[in-house]
PDB file of N, CA and C in Angstrom:
ATOM      1  N   MET A   1     -36.273  30.055  -4.725  1.00  0.00           N
ATOM      2  CA  MET A   1     -35.411  28.888  -4.756  1.00  0.00           C
ATOM      3  C   MET A   1     -36.308  27.654  -4.965  1.00  0.00           C
ATOM      4  N   PRO A   2     -35.905  26.767  -5.862  1.00  0.00           N
ATOM      5  CA  PRO A   2     -36.698  25.559  -6.096  1.00  0.00           C
ATOM      6  C   PRO A   2     -36.832  24.716  -4.818  1.00  0.00           C
ATOM      7  N   GLU A   3     -37.956  24.013  -4.704  1.00  0.00           N
ATOM      8  CA  GLU A   3     -38.268  23.266  -3.485  1.00  0.00           C
ATOM      9  C   GLU A   3     -37.218  22.209  -3.139  1.00  0.00           C
ATOM     10  N   TYR A   4     -36.817  21.405  -4.102  1.00  0.00           N
ATOM     11  CA  TYR A   4     -35.842  20.353  -3.847  1.00  0.00           C
ATOM     12  C   TYR A   4     -34.508  20.958  -3.398  1.00  0.00           C
ATOM     13  N   THR A   5     -34.134  22.057  -4.006  1.00  0.00           N
ATOM     14  CA  THR A   5     -32.897  22.751  -3.635  1.00  0.00           C
ATOM     15  C   THR A   5     -32.992  23.275  -2.209  1.00  0.00           C
ATOM     16  N   ALA A   6     -34.112  23.898  -1.878  1.00  0.00           N
ATOM     17  CA  ALA A   6     -34.297  24.439  -0.525  1.00  0.00           C
ATOM     18  C   ALA A   6     -34.221  23.333   0.518  1.00  0.00           C
ATOM     19  N   LEU A   7     -34.863  22.203   0.238  1.00  0.00           N
ATOM     20  CA  LEU A   7     -34.822  21.082   1.178  1.00  0.00           C
ATOM     21  C   LEU A   7     -33.416  20.506   1.301  1.00  0.00           C
ATOM     22  N   ALA A   8     -32.691  20.468   0.195  1.00  0.00           N
ATOM     23  CA  ALA A   8     -31.312  19.964   0.232  1.00  0.00           C
ATOM     24  C   ALA A   8     -30.433  20.870   1.094  1.00  0.00           C
ATOM     25  N   VAL A   9     -30.571  22.170   0.909  1.00  0.00           N
ATOM     26  CA  VAL A   9     -29.788  23.126   1.705  1.00  0.00           C
ATOM     27  C   VAL A   9     -30.189  23.026   3.180  1.00  0.00           C
ATOM     28  N   LEU A  10     -31.488  22.936   3.455  1.00  0.00           N
ATOM     29  CA  LEU A  10     -31.951  22.798   4.843  1.00  0.00           C
ATOM     30  C   LEU A  10     -31.434  21.517   5.485  1.00  0.00           C
ATOM     31  N   SER A  11     -31.312  20.451   4.707  1.00  0.00           N
ATOM     32  CA  SER A  11     -30.799  19.201   5.266  1.00  0.00           C
ATOM     33  C   SER A  11     -29.346  19.365   5.716  1.00  0.00           C
ATOM     34  N   VAL A  12     -28.565  20.089   4.940  1.00  0.00           N
ATOM     35  CA  VAL A  12     -27.163  20.328   5.315  1.00  0.00           C
ATOM     36  C   VAL A  12     -27.088  21.206   6.560  1.00  0.00           C
ATOM     37  N   VAL A  13     -27.842  22.293   6.558  1.00  0.00           N
ATOM     38  CA  VAL A  13     -27.850  23.197   7.714  1.00  0.00           C
ATOM     39  C   VAL A  13     -28.313  22.443   8.958  1.00  0.00           C
ATOM     40  N   GLY A  14     -29.377  21.670   8.831  1.00  0.00           N
ATOM     41  CA  GLY A  14     -29.880  20.893   9.960  1.00  0.00           C
ATOM     42  C   GLY A  14     -28.868  19.890  10.479  1.00  0.00           C
ATOM     43  N   THR A  15     -28.174  19.222   9.582  1.00  0.00           N
ATOM     44  CA  THR A  15     -27.165  18.240   9.981  1.00  0.00           C
ATOM     45  C   THR A  15     -26.031  18.916  10.746  1.00  0.00           C
ATOM     46  N   VAL A  16     -25.567  20.045  10.253  1.00  0.00           N
ATOM     47  CA  VAL A  16     -24.490  20.771  10.939  1.00  0.00           C
ATOM     48  C   VAL A  16     -24.972  21.264  12.308  1.00  0.00           C
ATOM     49  N   LEU A  17     -26.202  21.758  12.388  1.00  0.00           N
ATOM     50  CA  LEU A  17     -26.744  22.228  13.670  1.00  0.00           C
ATOM     51  C   LEU A  17     -26.882  21.086  14.673  1.00  0.00           C
ATOM     52  N   VAL A  18     -27.294  19.914  14.214  1.00  0.00           N
ATOM     53  CA  VAL A  18     -27.385  18.754  15.097  1.00  0.00           C
ATOM     54  C   VAL A  18     -26.013  18.438  15.684  1.00  0.00           C
ATOM     55  N   GLU A  19     -24.976  18.514  14.869  1.00  0.00           N
ATOM     56  CA  GLU A  19     -23.615  18.248  15.354  1.00  0.00           C
ATOM     57  C   GLU A  19     -23.160  19.315  16.344  1.00  0.00           C
ATOM     58  N   VAL A  20     -23.358  20.567  15.987  1.00  0.00           N
ATOM     59  CA  VAL A  20     -22.818  21.668  16.792  1.00  0.00           C
ATOM     60  C   VAL A  20     -23.558  21.831  18.123  1.00  0.00           C
ATOM     61  N   PHE A  21     -24.887  21.662  18.110  1.00  0.00           N
ATOM     62  CA  PHE A  21     -25.661  21.974  19.302  1.00  0.00           C
ATOM     63  C   PHE A  21     -26.210  20.770  20.062  1.00  0.00           C
ATOM     64  N   TRP A  22     -26.113  19.553  19.495  1.00  0.00           N
ATOM     65  CA  TRP A  22     -26.697  18.418  20.200  1.00  0.00           C
ATOM     66  C   TRP A  22     -25.696  17.281  20.379  1.00  0.00           C
ATOM     67  N   LEU A  23     -25.266  16.662  19.287  1.00  0.00           N
ATOM     68  CA  LEU A  23     -24.437  15.466  19.400  1.00  0.00           C
ATOM     69  C   LEU A  23     -22.999  15.766  19.808  1.00  0.00           C
ATOM     70  N   ARG A  24     -22.410  16.787  19.228  1.00  0.00           N
ATOM     71  CA  ARG A  24     -21.037  17.226  19.555  1.00  0.00           C
ATOM     72  C   ARG A  24     -20.028  16.089  19.534  1.00  0.00           C
ATOM     73  N   THR A  25     -20.024  15.357  18.421  1.00  0.00           N
ATOM     74  CA  THR A  25     -19.102  14.226  18.294  1.00  0.00           C
ATOM     75  C   THR A  25     -17.703  14.652  17.868  1.00  0.00           C
ATOM     76  N   GLY A  26     -17.567  15.842  17.319  1.00  0.00           N
ATOM     77  CA  GLY A  26     -16.281  16.295  16.802  1.00  0.00           C
ATOM     78  C   GLY A  26     -15.933  15.652  15.465  1.00  0.00           C
ATOM     79  N   ILE A  27     -16.942  15.124  14.802  1.00  0.00           N
ATOM     80  CA  ILE A  27     -16.716  14.358  13.569  1.00  0.00           C
ATOM     81  C   ILE A  27     -16.056  15.190  12.471  1.00  0.00           C
ATOM     82  N   PHE A  28     -16.362  16.470  12.403  1.00  0.00           N
ATOM     83  CA  PHE A  28     -15.803  17.311  11.336  1.00  0.00           C
ATOM     84  C   PHE A  28     -14.309  17.567  11.522  1.00  0.00           C
ATOM     85  N   ARG A  29     -13.786  17.263  12.703  1.00  0.00           N
ATOM     86  CA  ARG A  29     -12.345  17.430  12.968  1.00  0.00           C
ATOM     87  C   ARG A  29     -11.571  16.127  12.782  1.00  0.00           C
ATOM     88  N   ARG A  30     -12.248  15.056  12.395  1.00  0.00           N
ATOM     89  CA  ARG A  30     -11.603  13.749  12.279  1.00  0.00           C
ATOM     90  C   ARG A  30     -11.219  13.458  10.828  1.00  0.00           C
ATOM     91  N   ALA A  31      -9.984  13.075  10.646  1.00  0.00           N
ATOM     92  CA  ALA A  31      -9.514  12.721   9.301  1.00  0.00           C
ATOM     93  C   ALA A  31     -10.280  11.517   8.763  1.00  0.00           C
ATOM     94  N   GLN A  32     -10.642  10.583   9.640  1.00  0.00           N
ATOM     95  CA  GLN A  32     -11.379   9.390   9.205  1.00  0.00           C
ATOM     96  C   GLN A  32     -12.694   9.771   8.538  1.00  0.00           C
ATOM     97  N   TYR A  33     -13.363  10.791   9.059  1.00  0.00           N
ATOM     98  CA  TYR A  33     -14.630  11.243   8.484  1.00  0.00           C
ATOM     99  C   TYR A  33     -14.410  11.728   7.048  1.00  0.00           C
ATOM    100  N   TRP A  34     -13.425  12.566   6.854  1.00  0.00           N
ATOM    101  CA  TRP A  34     -13.194  13.152   5.533  1.00  0.00           C
ATOM    102  C   TRP A  34     -12.714  12.088   4.542  1.00  0.00           C
ATOM    103  N   ILE A  35     -11.951  11.116   5.007  1.00  0.00           N
ATOM    104  CA  ILE A  35     -11.540  10.012   4.135  1.00  0.00           C
ATOM    105  C   ILE A  35     -12.767   9.182   3.752  1.00  0.00           C
ATOM    106  N   ALA A  36     -13.612   8.892   4.733  1.00  0.00           N
ATOM    107  CA  ALA A  36     -14.840   8.132   4.455  1.00  0.00           C
ATOM    108  C   ALA A  36     -15.725   8.880   3.466  1.00  0.00           C
ATOM    109  N   MET A  37     -15.841  10.186   3.623  1.00  0.00           N
ATOM    110  CA  MET A  37     -16.673  10.969   2.701  1.00  0.00           C
ATOM    111  C   MET A  37     -16.096  10.953   1.289  1.00  0.00           C
ATOM    112  N   ALA A  38     -14.780  10.995   1.172  1.00  0.00           N
ATOM    113  CA  ALA A  38     -14.158  10.932  -0.157  1.00  0.00           C
ATOM    114  C   ALA A  38     -14.463   9.589  -0.819  1.00  0.00           C
ATOM    115  N   ILE A  39     -14.378   8.526  -0.052  1.00  0.00           N
ATOM    116  CA  ILE A  39     -14.687   7.200  -0.595  1.00  0.00           C
ATOM    117  C   ILE A  39     -16.150   7.124  -1.004  1.00  0.00           C
ATOM    118  N   VAL A  40     -17.025   7.581  -0.147  1.00  0.00           N
ATOM    119  CA  VAL A  40     -18.470   7.561  -0.445  1.00  0.00           C
ATOM    120  C   VAL A  40     -18.758   8.358  -1.706  1.00  0.00           C
ATOM    121  N   TYR A  41     -18.173   9.538  -1.820  1.00  0.00           N
ATOM    122  CA  TYR A  41     -18.457  10.374  -2.990  1.00  0.00           C
ATOM    123  C   TYR A  41     -17.881   9.800  -4.281  1.00  0.00           C
ATOM    124  N   CYS A  42     -16.804   9.039  -4.198  1.00  0.00           N
ATOM    125  CA  CYS A  42     -16.306   8.366  -5.416  1.00  0.00           C
ATOM    126  C   CYS A  42     -17.372   7.423  -5.957  1.00  0.00           C
ATOM    127  N   PHE A  43     -17.965   6.630  -5.076  1.00  0.00           N
ATOM    128  CA  PHE A  43     -19.012   5.715  -5.506  1.00  0.00           C
ATOM    129  C   PHE A  43     -20.306   6.456  -5.838  1.00  0.00           C
ATOM    130  N   HIS A  44     -20.566   7.522  -5.107  1.00  0.00           N
ATOM    131  CA  HIS A  44     -21.751   8.341  -5.372  1.00  0.00           C
ATOM    132  C   HIS A  44     -21.717   8.878  -6.806  1.00  0.00           C
ATOM    133  N   VAL A  45     -20.580   9.375  -7.213  1.00  0.00           N
ATOM    134  CA  VAL A  45     -20.447   9.927  -8.565  1.00  0.00           C
ATOM    135  C   VAL A  45     -20.671   8.838  -9.611  1.00  0.00           C
ATOM    136  N   LEU A  46     -20.116   7.673  -9.383  1.00  0.00           N
ATOM    137  CA  LEU A  46     -20.296   6.587 -10.348  1.00  0.00           C
ATOM    138  C   LEU A  46     -21.764   6.171 -10.459  1.00  0.00           C
ATOM    139  N   VAL A  47     -22.399   5.920  -9.331  1.00  0.00           N
ATOM    140  CA  VAL A  47     -23.779   5.424  -9.345  1.00  0.00           C
ATOM    141  C   VAL A  47     -24.759   6.517  -9.747  1.00  0.00           C
ATOM    142  N   ASP A  48     -24.656   7.677  -9.099  1.00  0.00           N
ATOM    143  CA  ASP A  48     -25.592   8.764  -9.396  1.00  0.00           C
ATOM    144  C   ASP A  48     -25.395   9.272 -10.815  1.00  0.00           C
ATOM    145  N   GLY A  49     -24.151   9.278 -11.279  1.00  0.00           N
ATOM    146  CA  GLY A  49     -23.893   9.689 -12.656  1.00  0.00           C
ATOM    147  C   GLY A  49     -24.598   8.782 -13.651  1.00  0.00           C
ATOM    148  N   TRP A  50     -24.593   7.480 -13.373  1.00  0.00           N
ATOM    149  CA  TRP A  50     -25.271   6.522 -14.248  1.00  0.00           C
ATOM    150  C   TRP A  50     -26.788   6.691 -14.156  1.00  0.00           C
ATOM    151  N   LEU A  51     -27.301   6.948 -12.950  1.00  0.00           N
ATOM    152  CA  LEU A  51     -28.750   7.067 -12.764  1.00  0.00           C
ATOM    153  C   LEU A  51     -29.334   8.343 -13.352  1.00  0.00           C
ATOM    154  N   THR A  52     -28.558   9.420 -13.363  1.00  0.00           N
ATOM    155  CA  THR A  52     -29.099  10.722 -13.761  1.00  0.00           C
ATOM    156  C   THR A  52     -28.578  11.243 -15.089  1.00  0.00           C
ATOM    157  N   LYS A  53     -27.771  10.460 -15.799  1.00  0.00           N
ATOM    158  CA  LYS A  53     -27.205  10.952 -17.066  1.00  0.00           C
ATOM    159  C   LYS A  53     -28.342  11.386 -17.993  1.00  0.00           C
ATOM    160  N   LEU A  54     -28.189  12.532 -18.575  1.00  0.00           N
ATOM    161  CA  LEU A  54     -29.247  13.095 -19.410  1.00  0.00           C
ATOM    162  C   LEU A  54     -29.456  12.324 -20.706  1.00  0.00           C
ATOM    163  N   SER A  55     -28.453  11.571 -21.126  1.00  0.00           N
ATOM    164  CA  SER A  55     -28.582  10.816 -22.376  1.00  0.00           C
ATOM    165  C   SER A  55     -29.557   9.643 -22.248  1.00  0.00           C
ATOM    166  N   ALA A  56     -29.666   9.062 -21.052  1.00  0.00           N
ATOM    167  CA  ALA A  56     -30.593   7.947 -20.824  1.00  0.00           C
ATOM    168  C   ALA A  56     -30.895   7.863 -19.328  1.00  0.00           C
ATOM    169  N   PRO A  57     -31.622   8.836 -18.794  1.00  0.00           N
ATOM    170  CA  PRO A  57     -31.826   8.880 -17.339  1.00  0.00           C
ATOM    171  C   PRO A  57     -32.721   7.756 -16.828  1.00  0.00           C
ATOM    172  N   ILE A  58     -32.345   7.245 -15.671  1.00  0.00           N
ATOM    173  CA  ILE A  58     -33.190   6.305 -14.944  1.00  0.00           C
ATOM    174  C   ILE A  58     -34.014   7.090 -13.931  1.00  0.00           C
ATOM    175  N   VAL A  59     -33.372   8.070 -13.308  1.00  0.00           N
ATOM    176  CA  VAL A  59     -34.044   8.979 -12.379  1.00  0.00           C
ATOM    177  C   VAL A  59     -34.229  10.309 -13.095  1.00  0.00           C
ATOM    178  N   ILE A  60     -35.456  10.782 -13.129  1.00  0.00           N
ATOM    179  CA  ILE A  60     -35.773  12.031 -13.824  1.00  0.00           C
ATOM    180  C   ILE A  60     -36.269  13.051 -12.802  1.00  0.00           C
ATOM    181  N   TYR A  61     -35.669  14.220 -12.823  1.00  0.00           N
ATOM    182  CA  TYR A  61     -36.030  15.290 -11.901  1.00  0.00           C
ATOM    183  C   TYR A  61     -36.944  16.288 -12.581  1.00  0.00           C
ATOM    184  N   ASP A  62     -37.839  16.874 -11.805  1.00  0.00           N
ATOM    185  CA  ASP A  62     -38.652  17.987 -12.289  1.00  0.00           C
ATOM    186  C   ASP A  62     -37.718  19.193 -12.320  1.00  0.00           C
ATOM    187  N   GLU A  63     -37.393  19.648 -13.505  1.00  0.00           N
ATOM    188  CA  GLU A  63     -36.419  20.739 -13.651  1.00  0.00           C
ATOM    189  C   GLU A  63     -36.841  22.016 -12.926  1.00  0.00           C
ATOM    190  N   GLY A  64     -38.127  22.155 -12.638  1.00  0.00           N
ATOM    191  CA  GLY A  64     -38.591  23.315 -11.886  1.00  0.00           C
ATOM    192  C   GLY A  64     -38.302  23.227 -10.406  1.00  0.00           C
ATOM    193  N   GLN A  65     -37.890  22.038  -9.938  1.00  0.00           N
ATOM    194  CA  GLN A  65     -37.643  21.831  -8.514  1.00  0.00           C
ATOM    195  C   GLN A  65     -36.168  21.814  -8.149  1.00  0.00           C
ATOM    196  N   ILE A  66     -35.288  21.889  -9.146  1.00  0.00           N
ATOM    197  CA  ILE A  66     -33.844  21.902  -8.888  1.00  0.00           C
ATOM    198  C   ILE A  66     -33.227  23.124  -9.564  1.00  0.00           C
ATOM    199  N   THR A  67     -31.988  23.420  -9.196  1.00  0.00           N
ATOM    200  CA  THR A  67     -31.323  24.594  -9.773  1.00  0.00           C
ATOM    201  C   THR A  67     -30.938  24.374 -11.227  1.00  0.00           C
ATOM    202  N   GLY A  68     -30.763  23.127 -11.605  1.00  0.00           N
ATOM    203  CA  GLY A  68     -30.301  22.822 -12.952  1.00  0.00           C
ATOM    204  C   GLY A  68     -28.796  22.695 -13.050  1.00  0.00           C
ATOM    205  N   VAL A  69     -28.089  22.990 -11.951  1.00  0.00           N
ATOM    206  CA  VAL A  69     -26.632  22.826 -11.919  1.00  0.00           C
ATOM    207  C   VAL A  69     -26.351  21.331 -11.789  1.00  0.00           C
ATOM    208  N   ARG A  70     -25.598  20.784 -12.742  1.00  0.00           N
ATOM    209  CA  ARG A  70     -25.301  19.354 -12.758  1.00  0.00           C
ATOM    210  C   ARG A  70     -23.806  19.160 -13.001  1.00  0.00           C
ATOM    211  N   VAL A  71     -23.120  18.558 -12.006  1.00  0.00           N
ATOM    212  CA  VAL A  71     -21.686  18.298 -12.121  1.00  0.00           C
ATOM    213  C   VAL A  71     -21.340  17.001 -11.431  1.00  0.00           C
ATOM    214  N   PRO A  72     -20.365  16.282 -11.788  1.00  0.00           N
ATOM    215  CA  PRO A  72     -20.080  15.959 -13.173  1.00  0.00           C
ATOM    216  C   PRO A  72     -21.120  14.961 -13.668  1.00  0.00           C
ATOM    217  N   TRP A  73     -21.067  14.649 -14.911  1.00  0.00           N
ATOM    218  CA  TRP A  73     -21.931  13.645 -15.544  1.00  0.00           C
ATOM    219  C   TRP A  73     -23.404  13.854 -15.243  1.00  0.00           C
ATOM    220  N   ASP A  74     -23.851  15.050 -15.283  1.00  0.00           N
ATOM    221  CA  ASP A  74     -25.277  15.363 -15.175  1.00  0.00           C
ATOM    222  C   ASP A  74     -25.877  15.106 -13.797  1.00  0.00           C
ATOM    223  N   ILE A  75     -25.067  15.032 -12.759  1.00  0.00           N
ATOM    224  CA  ILE A  75     -25.580  14.811 -11.400  1.00  0.00           C
ATOM    225  C   ILE A  75     -26.045  16.153 -10.834  1.00  0.00           C
ATOM    226  N   PRO A  76     -27.327  16.248 -10.426  1.00  0.00           N
ATOM    227  CA  PRO A  76     -27.801  17.497  -9.824  1.00  0.00           C
ATOM    228  C   PRO A  76     -27.036  17.796  -8.533  1.00  0.00           C
ATOM    229  N   VAL A  77     -26.648  19.021  -8.357  1.00  0.00           N
ATOM    230  CA  VAL A  77     -25.870  19.416  -7.183  1.00  0.00           C
ATOM    231  C   VAL A  77     -26.639  19.102  -5.900  1.00  0.00           C
ATOM    232  N   GLU A  78     -27.953  19.103  -5.953  1.00  0.00           N
ATOM    233  CA  GLU A  78     -28.762  18.804  -4.778  1.00  0.00           C
ATOM    234  C   GLU A  78     -28.510  17.388  -4.258  1.00  0.00           C
ATOM    235  N   ASP A  79     -28.168  16.470  -5.151  1.00  0.00           N
ATOM    236  CA  ASP A  79     -27.886  15.095  -4.729  1.00  0.00           C
ATOM    237  C   ASP A  79     -26.657  15.034  -3.820  1.00  0.00           C
ATOM    238  N   TYR A  80     -25.687  15.893  -4.071  1.00  0.00           N
ATOM    239  CA  TYR A  80     -24.509  15.943  -3.209  1.00  0.00           C
ATOM    240  C   TYR A  80     -24.880  16.455  -1.819  1.00  0.00           C
ATOM    241  N   LEU A  81     -25.775  17.435  -1.780  1.00  0.00           N
ATOM    242  CA  LEU A  81     -26.193  17.999  -0.494  1.00  0.00           C
ATOM    243  C   LEU A  81     -26.953  16.966   0.329  1.00  0.00           C
ATOM    244  N   PHE A  82     -27.919  16.294  -0.286  1.00  0.00           N
ATOM    245  CA  PHE A  82     -28.653  15.256   0.432  1.00  0.00           C
ATOM    246  C   PHE A  82     -27.728  14.103   0.819  1.00  0.00           C
ATOM    247  N   GLY A  83     -26.803  13.750  -0.051  1.00  0.00           N
ATOM    248  CA  GLY A  83     -25.839  12.693   0.265  1.00  0.00           C
ATOM    249  C   GLY A  83     -24.996  13.048   1.473  1.00  0.00           C
ATOM    250  N   PHE A  84     -24.524  14.288   1.514  1.00  0.00           N
ATOM    251  CA  PHE A  84     -23.756  14.770   2.660  1.00  0.00           C
ATOM    252  C   PHE A  84     -24.566  14.610   3.934  1.00  0.00           C
ATOM    253  N   SER A  85     -25.810  15.044   3.899  1.00  0.00           N
ATOM    254  CA  SER A  85     -26.650  14.999   5.093  1.00  0.00           C
ATOM    255  C   SER A  85     -26.911  13.569   5.543  1.00  0.00           C
ATOM    256  N   MET A  86     -27.248  12.694   4.614  1.00  0.00           N
ATOM    257  CA  MET A  86     -27.553  11.306   4.979  1.00  0.00           C
ATOM    258  C   MET A  86     -26.341  10.601   5.579  1.00  0.00           C
ATOM    259  N   ILE A  87     -25.214  10.699   4.913  1.00  0.00           N
ATOM    260  CA  ILE A  87     -24.021  10.001   5.386  1.00  0.00           C
ATOM    261  C   ILE A  87     -23.509  10.619   6.678  1.00  0.00           C
ATOM    262  N   THR A  88     -23.450  11.940   6.740  1.00  0.00           N
ATOM    263  CA  THR A  88     -22.925  12.613   7.921  1.00  0.00           C
ATOM    264  C   THR A  88     -23.797  12.361   9.139  1.00  0.00           C
ATOM    265  N   LEU A  89     -25.104  12.474   8.994  1.00  0.00           N
ATOM    266  CA  LEU A  89     -25.993  12.232  10.128  1.00  0.00           C
ATOM    267  C   LEU A  89     -25.886  10.783  10.612  1.00  0.00           C
ATOM    268  N   THR A  90     -25.795   9.857   9.689  1.00  0.00           N
ATOM    269  CA  THR A  90     -25.630   8.453  10.064  1.00  0.00           C
ATOM    270  C   THR A  90     -24.338   8.241  10.842  1.00  0.00           C
ATOM    271  N   LEU A  91     -23.238   8.807  10.347  1.00  0.00           N
ATOM    272  CA  LEU A  91     -21.955   8.654  11.029  1.00  0.00           C
ATOM    273  C   LEU A  91     -21.957   9.346  12.387  1.00  0.00           C
ATOM    274  N   MET A  92     -22.579  10.525  12.470  1.00  0.00           N
ATOM    275  CA  MET A  92     -22.644  11.229  13.753  1.00  0.00           C
ATOM    276  C   MET A  92     -23.414  10.403  14.784  1.00  0.00           C
ATOM    277  N   LEU A  93     -24.542   9.836  14.374  1.00  0.00           N
ATOM    278  CA  LEU A  93     -25.320   9.016  15.304  1.00  0.00           C
ATOM    279  C   LEU A  93     -24.554   7.764  15.702  1.00  0.00           C
ATOM    280  N   TRP A  94     -23.857   7.162  14.764  1.00  0.00           N
ATOM    281  CA  TRP A  94     -23.060   5.981  15.043  1.00  0.00           C
ATOM    282  C   TRP A  94     -21.980   6.302  16.083  1.00  0.00           C
ATOM    283  N   VAL A  95     -21.264   7.401  15.879  1.00  0.00           N
ATOM    284  CA  VAL A  95     -20.215   7.814  16.821  1.00  0.00           C
ATOM    285  C   VAL A  95     -20.838   8.140  18.179  1.00  0.00           C
ATOM    286  N   HIS A  96     -21.918   8.886  18.184  1.00  0.00           N
ATOM    287  CA  HIS A  96     -22.577   9.289  19.427  1.00  0.00           C
ATOM    288  C   HIS A  96     -23.039   8.072  20.229  1.00  0.00           C
ATOM    289  N   LEU A  97     -23.702   7.133  19.573  1.00  0.00           N
ATOM    290  CA  LEU A  97     -24.181   5.936  20.267  1.00  0.00           C
ATOM    291  C   LEU A  97     -23.018   5.076  20.750  1.00  0.00           C
ATOM    292  N   GLY A  98     -21.945   5.015  19.973  1.00  0.00           N
ATOM    293  CA  GLY A  98     -20.758   4.281  20.405  1.00  0.00           C
ATOM    294  C   GLY A  98     -20.129   4.909  21.636  1.00  0.00           C
ATOM    295  N   GLU A  99     -20.080   6.234  21.662  1.00  0.00           N
ATOM    296  CA  GLU A  99     -19.523   6.928  22.824  1.00  0.00           C
ATOM    297  C   GLU A  99     -20.392   6.702  24.055  1.00  0.00           C
ATOM    298  N   GLN A 100     -21.705   6.706  23.881  1.00  0.00           N
ATOM    299  CA  GLN A 100     -22.608   6.435  25.005  1.00  0.00           C
ATOM    300  C   GLN A 100     -22.398   5.021  25.536  1.00  0.00           C
ATOM    301  N   ARG A 101     -22.275   4.051  24.627  1.00  0.00           N
ATOM    302  CA  ARG A 101     -22.052   2.666  25.032  1.00  0.00           C
ATOM    303  C   ARG A 101     -20.727   2.541  25.784  1.00  0.00           C
ATOM    304  N   ASP A 102     -19.686   3.206  25.283  1.00  0.00           N
ATOM    305  CA  ASP A 102     -18.384   3.143  25.943  1.00  0.00           C
ATOM    306  C   ASP A 102     -18.450   3.737  27.349  1.00  0.00           C
ATOM    307  N   ARG A 103     -19.156   4.859  27.512  1.00  0.00           N
ATOM    308  CA  ARG A 103     -19.305   5.463  28.841  1.00  0.00           C
ATOM    309  C   ARG A 103     -20.054   4.510  29.783  1.00  0.00           C
ATOM    310  N   ALA A 104     -21.101   3.887  29.287  1.00  0.00           N
ATOM    311  CA  ALA A 104     -21.873   2.954  30.106  1.00  0.00           C
ATOM    312  C   ALA A 104     -21.016   1.753  30.490  1.00  0.00           C
ATOM    313  N   ASP A 105     -20.219   1.245  29.563  1.00  0.00           N
ATOM    314  CA  ASP A 105     -19.331   0.112  29.853  1.00  0.00           C
ATOM    315  C   ASP A 105     -18.307   0.484  30.921  1.00  0.00           C
ATOM    316  N   ARG A 106     -17.717   1.671  30.806  1.00  0.00           N
ATOM    317  CA  ARG A 106     -16.737   2.121  31.803  1.00  0.00           C
ATOM    318  C   ARG A 106     -17.395   2.281  33.173  1.00  0.00           C
ATOM    319  N   ARG A 107     -18.602   2.827  33.185  1.00  0.00           N
ATOM    320  CA  ARG A 107     -19.329   3.024  34.432  1.00  0.00           C
ATOM    321  C   ARG A 107     -19.643   1.662  35.076  1.00  0.00           C
ATOM    322  N   ASP A 108     -20.081   0.701  34.288  1.00  0.00           N
ATOM    323  CA  ASP A 108     -20.365  -0.639  34.807  1.00  0.00           C
ATOM    324  C   ASP A 108     -19.105  -1.294  35.341  1.00  0.00           C
ATOM    325  N   HIS A 109     -18.008  -1.139  34.614  1.00  0.00           N
ATOM    326  CA  HIS A 109     -16.732  -1.720  35.040  1.00  0.00           C
ATOM    327  C   HIS A 109     -16.294  -1.111  36.373  1.00  0.00           C
ATOM    328  N   THR A 110     -16.415   0.206  36.508  1.00  0.00           N
ATOM    329  CA  THR A 110     -16.042   0.889  37.745  1.00  0.00           C
ATOM    330  C   THR A 110     -16.938   0.437  38.882  1.00  0.00           C
ATOM    331  N   ASP A 111     -18.241   0.323  38.627  1.00  0.00           N
ATOM    332  CA  ASP A 111     -19.171  -0.117  39.670  1.00  0.00           C
ATOM    333  C   ASP A 111     -18.834  -1.531  40.142  1.00  0.00           C
ATOM    334  N   ARG A 112     -18.523  -2.435  39.214  1.00  0.00           N
ATOM    335  CA  ARG A 112     -18.179  -3.808  39.574  1.00  0.00           C
ATOM    336  C   ARG A 112     -16.887  -3.852  40.381  1.00  0.00           C
ATOM    337  N   ARG A 113     -15.907  -3.052  39.952  1.00  0.00           N
ATOM    338  CA  ARG A 113     -14.624  -3.035  40.661  1.00  0.00           C
ATOM    339  C   ARG A 113     -14.804  -2.514  42.085  1.00  0.00           C
ATOM    340  N   MET A 114     -15.610  -1.475  42.257  1.00  0.00           N
ATOM    341  CA  MET A 114     -15.825  -0.907  43.582  1.00  0.00           C
ATOM    342  C   MET A 114     -16.601  -1.882  44.452  1.00  0.00           C
ATOM    343  N   THR A 115     -17.534  -2.620  43.873  1.00  0.00           N
ATOM    344  CA  THR A 115     -18.295  -3.606  44.628  1.00  0.00           C
ATOM    345  C   THR A 115     -17.397  -4.740  45.087  1.00  0.00           C
ATOM    346  N   GLN A 116     -16.467  -5.157  44.248  1.00  0.00           N
ATOM    347  CA  GLN A 116     -15.546  -6.233  44.606  1.00  0.00           C
ATOM    348  C   GLN A 116     -14.537  -5.791  45.653  1.00  0.00           C
ATOM    349  N   GLU A 117     -14.181  -4.515  45.674  1.00  0.00           N
ATOM    350  CA  GLU A 117     -13.193  -4.009  46.630  1.00  0.00           C
ATOM    351  C   GLU A 117     -13.812  -3.663  47.967  1.00  0.00           C
ATOM    352  N   ALA A 118     -15.119  -3.579  48.037  1.00  0.00           N
ATOM    353  CA  ALA A 118     -15.778  -3.215  49.308  1.00  0.00           C
ATOM    354  C   ALA A 118     -15.552  -4.306  50.339  1.00  0.00           C
ATOM    355  N   PRO A 119     -15.324  -3.914  51.631  1.00  0.00           N
ATOM    356  CA  PRO A 119     -15.059  -4.910  52.685  1.00  0.00           C
ATOM    357  C   PRO A 119     -16.266  -5.757  53.001  1.00  0.00           C
TER     358      PRO A 119
END
């Protein structure tokens, strides 16, 4: 398997493992996540398609490092895998940190309320 392809696949596997075994945000069950990914990929196709078009590429890949599968508009399939990993990991961390902040805020609020109610 070409190196870039292997790394792209490992990035997806790693991202899913981080969600399943560490962060556990439940992001894959949220409609908002899938809607956000659809929006991101619409722009991804436009920009990456322009950057990688074979007729006048701005970004040139070593063909020995990718599978050569390009859909649509000459976009290497590996770019979708890395895109998935980057966006998903960012969103998972964002959700996770937000949940931690919310728990800390609730804990502080409870502590303040109990302190005020103490005789």
